[in-house]
């Protein structure tokens, strides 16, 4: 009989017969903790790349960058890196046919320079400061409205590389792939954050 009385008393107080007061208190504490964590993480300022831009279109075409430098085929490597970054960091669907795209990304490589900043004993330089100056533009294909434009986009980063400087910008240099990936990521982040 005492068990039935305590069950009835628990039901009348709104307490589940399966959970005691301590278990309910612990459940309430966990719920409050989860609510606080959810509020803190949603207010931290970080958003997915797709949430940082207004919906201007669902598809994007990336035109091959124009190479205004003397560096052979660097435009191919940088364009591939831009496409890869768009696929990884945005909700855009990358299309090859410009006529099927909602927006078009185009640009020019104005200059690219690698300056040795740390010298090694066996190589010309073991760390280089890479400075890349480019023009970048994002246009709405239908209206021809410019959504983003920077005529002097400056990318600068230091890289530890063990290479002879005359082969620094050759296609065989794996460091160029790293530079291209960082450049592509930088451009895509800047373009997506800007509008």
N, C-alpha and C. Protein backbone atom coordinates (compact mmCIF):
# COMPACT_ATOMS: atom_id res chain seq x y z
N UNK A 1 0.80 -1.21 0.00
CA UNK A 1 0.00 0.00 0.00
C UNK A 1 0.84 1.27 0.00
N UNK A 2 1.94 1.37 0.76
CA UNK A 2 2.70 2.61 0.75
C UNK A 2 3.22 2.94 -0.65
N UNK A 3 3.53 1.87 -1.45
CA UNK A 3 4.03 2.13 -2.80
C UNK A 3 2.95 2.79 -3.63
N UNK A 4 1.71 2.30 -3.57
CA UNK A 4 0.60 2.89 -4.33
C UNK A 4 0.35 4.33 -3.92
N UNK A 5 0.48 4.63 -2.65
CA UNK A 5 0.27 5.99 -2.17
C UNK A 5 1.33 6.92 -2.75
N UNK A 6 2.61 6.44 -2.72
CA UNK A 6 3.67 7.31 -3.23
C UNK A 6 3.53 7.51 -4.74
N UNK A 7 3.05 6.48 -5.47
CA UNK A 7 2.83 6.64 -6.89
C UNK A 7 1.74 7.65 -7.17
N UNK A 8 0.64 7.57 -6.41
CA UNK A 8 -0.44 8.52 -6.60
C UNK A 8 0.03 9.93 -6.26
N UNK A 9 0.83 10.06 -5.23
CA UNK A 9 1.32 11.38 -4.84
C UNK A 9 2.23 11.92 -5.92
N UNK A 10 3.06 11.04 -6.52
CA UNK A 10 3.95 11.47 -7.60
C UNK A 10 3.17 11.91 -8.81
N UNK A 11 2.12 11.19 -9.15
CA UNK A 11 1.31 11.55 -10.31
C UNK A 11 0.61 12.87 -10.08
N UNK A 12 0.13 13.08 -8.92
CA UNK A 12 -0.61 14.32 -8.67
C UNK A 12 0.33 15.52 -8.66
N UNK A 13 1.62 15.29 -8.36
CA UNK A 13 2.58 16.39 -8.35
C UNK A 13 3.19 16.60 -9.74
N UNK A 14 2.77 15.80 -10.74
CA UNK A 14 3.30 15.93 -12.09
C UNK A 14 4.63 15.24 -12.28
N UNK A 15 5.00 14.31 -11.40
CA UNK A 15 6.26 13.59 -11.48
C UNK A 15 5.98 12.23 -12.09
N UNK A 16 6.78 11.84 -13.07
CA UNK A 16 6.64 10.54 -13.70
C UNK A 16 6.99 9.46 -12.69
N UNK A 17 6.22 8.36 -12.64
CA UNK A 17 6.53 7.30 -11.69
C UNK A 17 7.87 6.62 -12.01
N UNK A 18 8.35 6.71 -13.25
CA UNK A 18 9.61 6.06 -13.61
C UNK A 18 10.82 6.90 -13.17
N UNK A 19 10.64 8.20 -13.01
CA UNK A 19 11.74 9.09 -12.64
C UNK A 19 11.51 9.68 -11.27
N UNK A 20 12.51 9.60 -10.46
CA UNK A 20 12.43 10.20 -9.14
C UNK A 20 12.80 11.68 -9.21
N UNK A 21 12.70 12.39 -8.07
CA UNK A 21 13.02 13.81 -8.06
C UNK A 21 14.47 14.10 -8.46
N UNK A 22 15.40 13.24 -8.06
CA UNK A 22 16.81 13.48 -8.43
C UNK A 22 17.02 13.31 -9.93
N UNK A 23 16.40 12.29 -10.50
CA UNK A 23 16.53 12.05 -11.94
C UNK A 23 15.91 13.20 -12.73
N UNK A 24 14.78 13.71 -12.25
CA UNK A 24 14.15 14.85 -12.94
C UNK A 24 15.02 16.09 -12.84
N UNK A 25 15.64 16.31 -11.70
CA UNK A 25 16.52 17.46 -11.53
C UNK A 25 17.71 17.36 -12.49
N UNK A 26 18.28 16.15 -12.57
CA UNK A 26 19.42 15.92 -13.47
C UNK A 26 19.00 16.14 -14.93
N UNK A 27 17.82 15.67 -15.29
CA UNK A 27 17.31 15.84 -16.65
C UNK A 27 17.10 17.33 -16.95
N UNK A 28 16.59 18.07 -15.99
CA UNK A 28 16.39 19.51 -16.17
C UNK A 28 17.72 20.24 -16.31
N UNK A 29 18.73 19.80 -15.56
CA UNK A 29 20.04 20.42 -15.67
C UNK A 29 20.65 20.17 -17.05
N UNK A 30 20.53 18.94 -17.54
CA UNK A 30 21.05 18.63 -18.87
C UNK A 30 20.32 19.42 -19.95
N UNK A 31 19.00 19.54 -19.79
CA UNK A 31 18.22 20.30 -20.76
C UNK A 31 18.66 21.76 -20.76
N UNK A 32 18.87 22.32 -19.59
CA UNK A 32 19.32 23.71 -19.50
C UNK A 32 20.71 23.86 -20.10
N UNK A 33 21.59 22.90 -19.85
CA UNK A 33 22.94 22.96 -20.40
C UNK A 33 22.91 22.89 -21.93
N UNK A 34 22.10 22.00 -22.46
CA UNK A 34 21.99 21.89 -23.92
C UNK A 34 21.42 23.16 -24.52
N UNK A 35 20.47 23.78 -23.85
CA UNK A 35 19.89 25.03 -24.33
C UNK A 35 20.94 26.14 -24.35
N UNK A 36 21.75 26.23 -23.30
CA UNK A 36 22.81 27.24 -23.24
C UNK A 36 23.83 27.01 -24.34
N UNK A 37 24.25 25.76 -24.55
CA UNK A 37 25.21 25.44 -25.61
C UNK A 37 24.62 25.80 -26.97
N UNK A 38 23.36 25.47 -27.19
CA UNK A 38 22.72 25.79 -28.47
C UNK A 38 22.68 27.30 -28.70
N UNK A 39 22.37 28.06 -27.67
CA UNK A 39 22.35 29.52 -27.81
C UNK A 39 23.73 30.10 -28.07
N UNK A 40 24.74 29.58 -27.37
CA UNK A 40 26.09 30.09 -27.55
C UNK A 40 26.64 29.78 -28.93
N UNK A 41 26.41 28.57 -29.42
CA UNK A 41 26.95 28.22 -30.72
C UNK A 41 26.20 28.90 -31.86
N UNK A 42 24.95 29.20 -31.67
CA UNK A 42 24.21 29.88 -32.74
C UNK A 42 24.52 31.37 -32.77
N UNK A 43 25.06 31.92 -31.70
CA UNK A 43 25.35 33.35 -31.65
C UNK A 43 26.83 33.65 -31.78
N UNK A 44 27.63 32.68 -32.18
CA UNK A 44 29.07 32.89 -32.21
C UNK A 44 29.54 33.67 -33.43
N UNK A 45 28.67 33.88 -34.42
CA UNK A 45 29.07 34.65 -35.59
C UNK A 45 29.51 33.79 -36.76
N UNK A 46 29.71 32.51 -36.56
CA UNK A 46 30.10 31.63 -37.65
C UNK A 46 28.86 31.08 -38.31
N UNK A 47 28.88 31.10 -39.62
CA UNK A 47 27.76 30.55 -40.39
C UNK A 47 28.32 29.73 -41.53
N UNK A 48 27.54 28.77 -42.04
CA UNK A 48 28.02 28.05 -43.21
C UNK A 48 28.17 29.02 -44.38
N UNK A 49 29.03 28.67 -45.33
CA UNK A 49 29.28 29.56 -46.47
C UNK A 49 28.00 29.91 -47.20
N UNK A 50 27.07 28.95 -47.33
CA UNK A 50 25.84 29.22 -48.06
C UNK A 50 24.98 30.24 -47.35
N UNK A 51 25.13 30.39 -46.03
CA UNK A 51 24.32 31.35 -45.28
C UNK A 51 24.92 32.74 -45.30
N UNK A 52 26.16 32.88 -45.78
CA UNK A 52 26.80 34.19 -45.76
C UNK A 52 26.47 35.01 -46.99
N UNK A 53 25.78 34.45 -47.92
CA UNK A 53 25.47 35.21 -49.13
C UNK A 53 23.97 35.26 -49.36
N UNK A 54 23.55 36.32 -50.01
CA UNK A 54 22.17 36.40 -50.43
C UNK A 54 22.00 35.40 -51.56
N UNK A 55 20.80 34.91 -51.73
CA UNK A 55 20.59 33.96 -52.81
C UNK A 55 20.51 34.74 -54.11
N UNK A 56 21.61 34.74 -54.84
CA UNK A 56 21.69 35.42 -56.14
C UNK A 56 21.60 34.42 -57.27
N UNK A 57 21.64 33.17 -56.95
CA UNK A 57 21.58 32.14 -57.97
C UNK A 57 22.04 30.83 -57.40
N UNK A 58 21.76 29.79 -58.14
CA UNK A 58 22.10 28.46 -57.67
C UNK A 58 23.30 27.88 -58.40
N UNK A 59 23.61 28.41 -59.59
CA UNK A 59 24.71 27.85 -60.36
C UNK A 59 25.72 28.94 -60.70
N UNK A 60 26.97 28.51 -60.83
CA UNK A 60 28.06 29.44 -61.13
C UNK A 60 28.97 28.84 -62.18
N UNK A 61 29.42 29.70 -63.08
CA UNK A 61 30.43 29.31 -64.06
C UNK A 61 31.70 30.06 -63.72
N UNK A 62 32.82 29.38 -63.81
CA UNK A 62 34.11 30.00 -63.54
C UNK A 62 34.88 30.05 -64.86
N UNK A 63 35.09 31.26 -65.35
CA UNK A 63 35.87 31.41 -66.57
C UNK A 63 37.34 31.24 -66.24
N UNK A 64 38.09 30.69 -67.20
CA UNK A 64 39.53 30.54 -67.00
C UNK A 64 40.12 31.92 -66.79
N UNK A 65 40.92 32.04 -65.74
CA UNK A 65 41.55 33.32 -65.44
C UNK A 65 42.45 33.76 -66.60
N UNK A 66 42.54 35.06 -66.80
CA UNK A 66 43.43 35.60 -67.83
C UNK A 66 44.79 35.80 -67.19
N UNK A 67 45.82 35.30 -67.84
CA UNK A 67 47.18 35.38 -67.31
C UNK A 67 47.90 36.57 -67.93
N UNK A 68 48.14 37.62 -67.13
CA UNK A 68 48.88 38.79 -67.58
C UNK A 68 50.35 38.73 -67.14
N UNK A 69 50.76 37.57 -66.66
CA UNK A 69 52.14 37.41 -66.20
C UNK A 69 52.93 36.60 -67.23
N UNK A 70 54.19 36.42 -66.95
CA UNK A 70 55.03 35.58 -67.82
C UNK A 70 55.12 34.15 -67.29
N UNK A 71 54.39 33.85 -66.24
CA UNK A 71 54.41 32.51 -65.64
C UNK A 71 53.53 31.58 -66.48
N UNK A 72 54.13 30.55 -67.01
CA UNK A 72 53.46 29.66 -67.94
C UNK A 72 52.35 28.85 -67.27
N UNK A 73 51.14 28.93 -67.81
CA UNK A 73 49.97 28.15 -67.42
C UNK A 73 49.57 28.26 -65.96
N UNK A 74 49.98 29.31 -65.28
CA UNK A 74 49.56 29.49 -63.89
C UNK A 74 48.05 29.72 -63.81
N UNK A 75 47.46 30.27 -64.87
CA UNK A 75 46.01 30.51 -64.88
C UNK A 75 45.22 29.21 -64.79
N UNK A 76 45.74 28.13 -65.40
CA UNK A 76 45.05 26.84 -65.35
C UNK A 76 45.02 26.29 -63.92
N UNK A 77 46.16 26.37 -63.26
CA UNK A 77 46.27 25.85 -61.89
C UNK A 77 45.39 26.65 -60.94
N UNK A 78 45.40 27.98 -61.05
CA UNK A 78 44.60 28.83 -60.17
C UNK A 78 43.10 28.68 -60.45
N UNK A 79 42.73 28.52 -61.72
CA UNK A 79 41.31 28.32 -62.05
C UNK A 79 40.79 27.02 -61.47
N UNK A 80 41.57 25.94 -61.61
CA UNK A 80 41.16 24.66 -61.01
C UNK A 80 40.98 24.79 -59.51
N UNK A 81 41.88 25.53 -58.87
CA UNK A 81 41.78 25.72 -57.41
C UNK A 81 40.53 26.51 -57.04
N UNK A 82 40.17 27.51 -57.84
CA UNK A 82 38.94 28.27 -57.59
C UNK A 82 37.71 27.37 -57.68
N UNK A 83 37.66 26.55 -58.71
CA UNK A 83 36.52 25.63 -58.88
C UNK A 83 36.44 24.67 -57.71
N UNK A 84 37.58 24.11 -57.31
CA UNK A 84 37.61 23.18 -56.18
C UNK A 84 37.11 23.85 -54.90
N UNK A 85 37.53 25.08 -54.66
CA UNK A 85 37.10 25.80 -53.46
C UNK A 85 35.61 26.11 -53.50
N UNK A 86 35.09 26.45 -54.66
CA UNK A 86 33.65 26.71 -54.77
C UNK A 86 32.84 25.46 -54.47
N UNK A 87 33.31 24.33 -54.96
CA UNK A 87 32.61 23.06 -54.70
C UNK A 87 32.63 22.75 -53.21
N UNK A 88 33.77 22.98 -52.56
CA UNK A 88 33.92 22.63 -51.15
C UNK A 88 33.29 23.63 -50.20
N UNK A 89 33.28 24.93 -50.53
CA UNK A 89 32.92 25.97 -49.56
C UNK A 89 31.60 26.69 -49.85
N UNK A 90 30.95 26.38 -50.92
CA UNK A 90 29.72 27.11 -51.23
C UNK A 90 28.60 26.14 -51.59
N UNK A 91 27.42 26.70 -51.67
CA UNK A 91 26.27 25.88 -52.08
C UNK A 91 26.00 26.03 -53.57
N UNK A 92 26.85 26.79 -54.26
CA UNK A 92 26.71 26.91 -55.71
C UNK A 92 26.95 25.57 -56.40
N UNK A 93 26.24 25.35 -57.47
CA UNK A 93 26.49 24.22 -58.35
C UNK A 93 27.37 24.76 -59.48
N UNK A 94 28.57 24.24 -59.61
CA UNK A 94 29.51 24.73 -60.62
C UNK A 94 29.16 24.09 -61.96
N UNK A 95 28.96 24.93 -62.98
CA UNK A 95 28.65 24.45 -64.32
C UNK A 95 29.72 24.94 -65.28
N UNK A 96 29.95 24.17 -66.35
CA UNK A 96 30.95 24.57 -67.33
C UNK A 96 30.40 25.53 -68.36
N UNK A 97 29.14 25.34 -68.71
CA UNK A 97 28.53 26.17 -69.75
C UNK A 97 28.06 27.50 -69.14
N UNK A 98 28.68 28.58 -69.57
CA UNK A 98 28.36 29.93 -69.04
C UNK A 98 26.89 30.28 -69.24
N UNK A 99 26.28 29.81 -70.32
CA UNK A 99 24.89 30.16 -70.61
C UNK A 99 23.90 29.47 -69.66
N UNK A 100 24.34 28.45 -68.93
CA UNK A 100 23.48 27.76 -67.98
C UNK A 100 23.69 28.24 -66.54
N UNK A 101 24.60 29.20 -66.34
CA UNK A 101 24.93 29.67 -64.99
C UNK A 101 24.09 30.87 -64.61
N UNK A 102 23.80 30.99 -63.31
CA UNK A 102 23.13 32.18 -62.79
C UNK A 102 24.13 33.31 -62.60
N UNK A 103 25.33 32.97 -62.12
CA UNK A 103 26.38 33.97 -61.92
C UNK A 103 27.68 33.46 -62.55
N UNK A 104 28.55 34.42 -62.89
CA UNK A 104 29.82 34.08 -63.55
C UNK A 104 30.96 34.72 -62.78
N UNK A 105 31.97 33.91 -62.45
CA UNK A 105 33.17 34.39 -61.79
C UNK A 105 34.30 34.46 -62.82
N UNK A 106 34.92 35.63 -62.91
CA UNK A 106 36.03 35.80 -63.85
C UNK A 106 37.12 36.62 -63.19
N UNK A 107 38.30 36.55 -63.76
CA UNK A 107 39.40 37.31 -63.18
C UNK A 107 40.63 37.32 -64.05
N UNK A 108 41.60 38.11 -63.61
CA UNK A 108 42.88 38.23 -64.29
C UNK A 108 43.99 38.14 -63.26
N UNK A 109 45.06 37.46 -63.61
CA UNK A 109 46.25 37.42 -62.75
C UNK A 109 47.16 38.54 -63.26
N UNK A 110 47.32 39.57 -62.45
CA UNK A 110 48.10 40.73 -62.86
C UNK A 110 49.59 40.55 -62.60
N UNK A 111 49.93 39.98 -61.45
CA UNK A 111 51.35 39.73 -61.15
C UNK A 111 51.44 38.63 -60.11
N UNK A 112 52.56 37.94 -60.15
CA UNK A 112 52.84 36.91 -59.17
C UNK A 112 54.35 36.94 -58.91
N UNK A 113 54.68 36.98 -57.64
CA UNK A 113 56.08 37.17 -57.27
C UNK A 113 56.39 36.31 -56.05
N UNK A 114 57.53 35.65 -56.09
CA UNK A 114 58.00 34.87 -54.94
C UNK A 114 59.33 35.47 -54.49
N UNK A 115 59.35 35.96 -53.27
CA UNK A 115 60.55 36.58 -52.73
C UNK A 115 61.10 35.70 -51.62
N UNK A 116 62.36 35.27 -51.72
CA UNK A 116 62.92 34.46 -50.63
C UNK A 116 63.07 35.30 -49.37
N UNK A 117 62.62 34.74 -48.24
CA UNK A 117 62.72 35.46 -46.97
C UNK A 117 63.62 34.74 -45.97
N UNK A 118 63.82 33.44 -46.18
CA UNK A 118 64.75 32.67 -45.35
C UNK A 118 65.62 31.87 -46.31
N UNK A 119 66.92 31.93 -46.11
CA UNK A 119 67.84 31.24 -47.00
C UNK A 119 68.36 29.98 -46.35
N UNK A 120 68.36 28.88 -47.12
CA UNK A 120 68.90 27.62 -46.64
C UNK A 120 70.34 27.45 -47.10
N UNK A 121 70.99 26.44 -46.60
CA UNK A 121 72.40 26.22 -46.95
C UNK A 121 72.55 25.55 -48.31
N UNK A 122 71.59 24.71 -48.71
CA UNK A 122 71.73 23.98 -49.97
C UNK A 122 70.82 24.50 -51.08
N UNK A 123 69.87 25.33 -50.75
CA UNK A 123 68.94 25.83 -51.76
C UNK A 123 69.01 27.34 -51.80
N UNK A 124 68.45 27.91 -52.86
CA UNK A 124 68.44 29.36 -53.00
C UNK A 124 67.66 30.01 -51.86
N UNK A 125 66.50 29.46 -51.57
CA UNK A 125 65.67 29.97 -50.48
C UNK A 125 64.86 28.84 -49.90
N UNK A 126 64.65 28.85 -48.61
CA UNK A 126 63.85 27.78 -48.02
C UNK A 126 62.47 28.28 -47.60
N UNK A 127 62.27 29.59 -47.58
CA UNK A 127 60.94 30.16 -47.33
C UNK A 127 60.76 31.33 -48.28
N UNK A 128 59.59 31.37 -48.90
CA UNK A 128 59.28 32.42 -49.87
C UNK A 128 58.01 33.15 -49.46
N UNK A 129 58.00 34.45 -49.68
CA UNK A 129 56.78 35.23 -49.54
C UNK A 129 56.17 35.33 -50.93
N UNK A 130 55.01 34.74 -51.11
CA UNK A 130 54.34 34.75 -52.41
C UNK A 130 53.31 35.88 -52.39
N UNK A 131 53.42 36.76 -53.38
CA UNK A 131 52.48 37.87 -53.52
C UNK A 131 51.82 37.74 -54.88
N UNK A 132 50.50 37.64 -54.87
CA UNK A 132 49.73 37.47 -56.10
C UNK A 132 48.71 38.59 -56.17
N UNK A 133 48.73 39.35 -57.25
CA UNK A 133 47.78 40.44 -57.44
C UNK A 133 46.85 40.04 -58.59
N UNK A 134 45.56 40.19 -58.36
CA UNK A 134 44.60 39.75 -59.36
C UNK A 134 43.38 40.67 -59.40
N UNK A 135 42.64 40.56 -60.49
CA UNK A 135 41.31 41.18 -60.59
C UNK A 135 40.30 40.05 -60.44
N UNK A 136 39.26 40.30 -59.67
CA UNK A 136 38.22 39.29 -59.46
C UNK A 136 36.87 39.96 -59.62
N UNK A 137 35.97 39.29 -60.33
CA UNK A 137 34.64 39.86 -60.56
C UNK A 137 33.59 38.76 -60.59
N UNK A 138 32.48 39.01 -59.93
CA UNK A 138 31.33 38.10 -59.96
C UNK A 138 30.15 38.87 -60.51
N UNK A 139 29.56 38.35 -61.59
CA UNK A 139 28.43 39.03 -62.25
C UNK A 139 27.20 38.13 -62.31
N UNK A 140 26.05 38.76 -62.21
CA UNK A 140 24.79 38.08 -62.49
C UNK A 140 24.70 37.95 -64.01
N UNK A 141 24.60 36.74 -64.52
CA UNK A 141 24.63 36.55 -65.97
C UNK A 141 23.41 37.14 -66.66
N UNK A 142 22.25 37.06 -66.03
CA UNK A 142 21.02 37.53 -66.68
C UNK A 142 20.93 39.05 -66.74
N UNK A 143 21.26 39.71 -65.64
CA UNK A 143 21.13 41.18 -65.58
C UNK A 143 22.43 41.90 -65.89
N UNK A 144 23.56 41.18 -65.91
CA UNK A 144 24.89 41.73 -66.11
C UNK A 144 25.30 42.67 -64.97
N UNK A 145 24.61 42.57 -63.85
CA UNK A 145 24.93 43.38 -62.67
C UNK A 145 26.15 42.80 -61.96
N UNK A 146 27.06 43.69 -61.56
CA UNK A 146 28.25 43.25 -60.83
C UNK A 146 27.86 43.00 -59.37
N UNK A 147 28.08 41.79 -58.88
CA UNK A 147 27.78 41.42 -57.51
C UNK A 147 28.99 41.59 -56.59
N UNK A 148 30.18 41.41 -57.15
CA UNK A 148 31.42 41.60 -56.42
C UNK A 148 32.50 41.98 -57.42
N UNK A 149 33.33 42.96 -57.03
CA UNK A 149 34.44 43.34 -57.90
C UNK A 149 35.58 43.87 -57.06
N UNK A 150 36.79 43.39 -57.37
CA UNK A 150 38.00 43.90 -56.74
C UNK A 150 39.09 43.90 -57.81
N UNK A 151 39.49 45.09 -58.23
CA UNK A 151 40.50 45.21 -59.29
C UNK A 151 41.92 45.07 -58.78
N UNK A 152 42.07 44.98 -57.47
CA UNK A 152 43.40 44.83 -56.91
C UNK A 152 43.34 43.85 -55.74
N UNK A 153 42.94 42.63 -56.06
CA UNK A 153 42.85 41.59 -55.03
C UNK A 153 44.27 41.11 -54.73
N UNK A 154 44.70 41.29 -53.51
CA UNK A 154 46.07 40.97 -53.12
C UNK A 154 46.08 39.73 -52.22
N UNK A 155 46.79 38.72 -52.66
CA UNK A 155 46.97 37.50 -51.88
C UNK A 155 48.44 37.42 -51.53
N UNK A 156 48.73 37.29 -50.24
CA UNK A 156 50.13 37.24 -49.79
C UNK A 156 50.23 36.19 -48.69
N UNK A 157 51.18 35.27 -48.87
CA UNK A 157 51.37 34.20 -47.88
C UNK A 157 52.81 33.71 -47.95
N UNK A 158 53.32 33.25 -46.82
CA UNK A 158 54.69 32.73 -46.77
C UNK A 158 54.65 31.20 -46.82
N UNK A 159 55.56 30.62 -47.60
CA UNK A 159 55.61 29.18 -47.77
C UNK A 159 57.04 28.68 -47.57
N UNK A 160 57.15 27.57 -46.87
CA UNK A 160 58.45 26.90 -46.70
C UNK A 160 58.60 25.93 -47.87
N UNK A 161 59.59 26.19 -48.70
CA UNK A 161 59.76 25.40 -49.90
C UNK A 161 61.25 25.15 -50.10
N UNK A 162 61.58 23.94 -50.46
CA UNK A 162 62.96 23.63 -50.81
C UNK A 162 63.02 23.44 -52.32
N UNK A 163 63.22 24.53 -53.02
CA UNK A 163 63.24 24.48 -54.49
C UNK A 163 64.16 25.56 -55.02
N UNK A 164 64.68 25.29 -56.19
CA UNK A 164 65.47 26.29 -56.87
C UNK A 164 64.49 27.34 -57.40
N UNK A 165 64.80 28.60 -57.26
CA UNK A 165 63.87 29.67 -57.61
C UNK A 165 63.47 29.65 -59.08
N UNK A 166 64.36 29.17 -59.99
CA UNK A 166 63.98 29.17 -61.41
C UNK A 166 62.89 28.14 -61.71
N UNK A 167 62.71 27.15 -60.82
CA UNK A 167 61.64 26.16 -61.01
C UNK A 167 60.45 26.41 -60.08
N UNK A 168 60.46 27.54 -59.40
CA UNK A 168 59.44 27.78 -58.38
C UNK A 168 58.02 27.74 -58.96
N UNK A 169 57.81 28.39 -60.10
CA UNK A 169 56.47 28.44 -60.68
C UNK A 169 56.27 27.44 -61.81
N UNK A 170 57.03 26.39 -61.82
CA UNK A 170 56.82 25.37 -62.84
C UNK A 170 55.68 24.47 -62.41
N UNK A 171 55.09 23.80 -63.37
CA UNK A 171 53.97 22.90 -63.05
C UNK A 171 54.41 21.72 -62.21
N UNK A 172 55.70 21.40 -62.25
CA UNK A 172 56.19 20.27 -61.49
C UNK A 172 56.34 20.60 -60.00
N UNK A 173 56.26 21.85 -59.64
CA UNK A 173 56.46 22.25 -58.25
C UNK A 173 55.18 22.00 -57.45
N UNK A 174 55.19 21.06 -56.50
CA UNK A 174 53.99 20.80 -55.72
C UNK A 174 53.60 21.98 -54.84
N UNK A 175 54.54 22.88 -54.58
CA UNK A 175 54.23 24.06 -53.76
C UNK A 175 53.20 24.94 -54.46
N UNK A 176 53.24 24.98 -55.79
CA UNK A 176 52.29 25.81 -56.53
C UNK A 176 50.86 25.33 -56.31
N UNK A 177 50.66 24.03 -56.16
CA UNK A 177 49.32 23.51 -55.87
C UNK A 177 48.83 23.99 -54.50
N UNK A 178 49.73 24.03 -53.52
CA UNK A 178 49.37 24.55 -52.20
C UNK A 178 49.01 26.02 -52.27
N UNK A 179 49.82 26.79 -53.00
CA UNK A 179 49.56 28.22 -53.16
C UNK A 179 48.22 28.42 -53.86
N UNK A 180 47.97 27.65 -54.92
CA UNK A 180 46.72 27.76 -55.66
C UNK A 180 45.52 27.43 -54.78
N UNK A 181 45.64 26.39 -53.97
CA UNK A 181 44.53 26.01 -53.07
C UNK A 181 44.24 27.13 -52.07
N UNK A 182 45.29 27.73 -51.51
CA UNK A 182 45.10 28.83 -50.56
C UNK A 182 44.51 30.05 -51.24
N UNK A 183 44.98 30.34 -52.46
CA UNK A 183 44.44 31.47 -53.22
C UNK A 183 42.96 31.25 -53.53
N UNK A 184 42.62 30.05 -54.03
CA UNK A 184 41.22 29.75 -54.35
C UNK A 184 40.32 29.86 -53.14
N UNK A 185 40.77 29.34 -52.02
CA UNK A 185 40.00 29.42 -50.78
C UNK A 185 39.82 30.87 -50.34
N UNK A 186 40.87 31.67 -50.46
CA UNK A 186 40.81 33.07 -50.08
C UNK A 186 39.83 33.85 -50.95
N UNK A 187 39.89 33.64 -52.25
CA UNK A 187 38.98 34.35 -53.17
C UNK A 187 37.53 33.96 -52.90
N UNK A 188 37.27 32.67 -52.78
CA UNK A 188 35.90 32.21 -52.57
C UNK A 188 35.35 32.74 -51.24
N UNK A 189 36.13 32.71 -50.18
CA UNK A 189 35.67 33.24 -48.90
C UNK A 189 35.37 34.72 -48.99
N UNK A 190 36.24 35.47 -49.65
CA UNK A 190 36.03 36.92 -49.80
C UNK A 190 34.77 37.21 -50.60
N UNK A 191 34.59 36.52 -51.71
CA UNK A 191 33.42 36.75 -52.57
C UNK A 191 32.13 36.40 -51.82
N UNK A 192 32.11 35.26 -51.12
CA UNK A 192 30.89 34.84 -50.44
C UNK A 192 30.56 35.73 -49.25
N UNK A 193 31.56 36.26 -48.55
CA UNK A 193 31.32 37.13 -47.40
C UNK A 193 30.88 38.51 -47.81
N UNK A 194 31.22 38.92 -49.02
CA UNK A 194 31.00 40.30 -49.41
C UNK A 194 29.54 40.62 -49.73
N UNK A 195 28.76 39.61 -50.13
CA UNK A 195 27.36 39.94 -50.44
C UNK A 195 26.41 38.90 -49.90
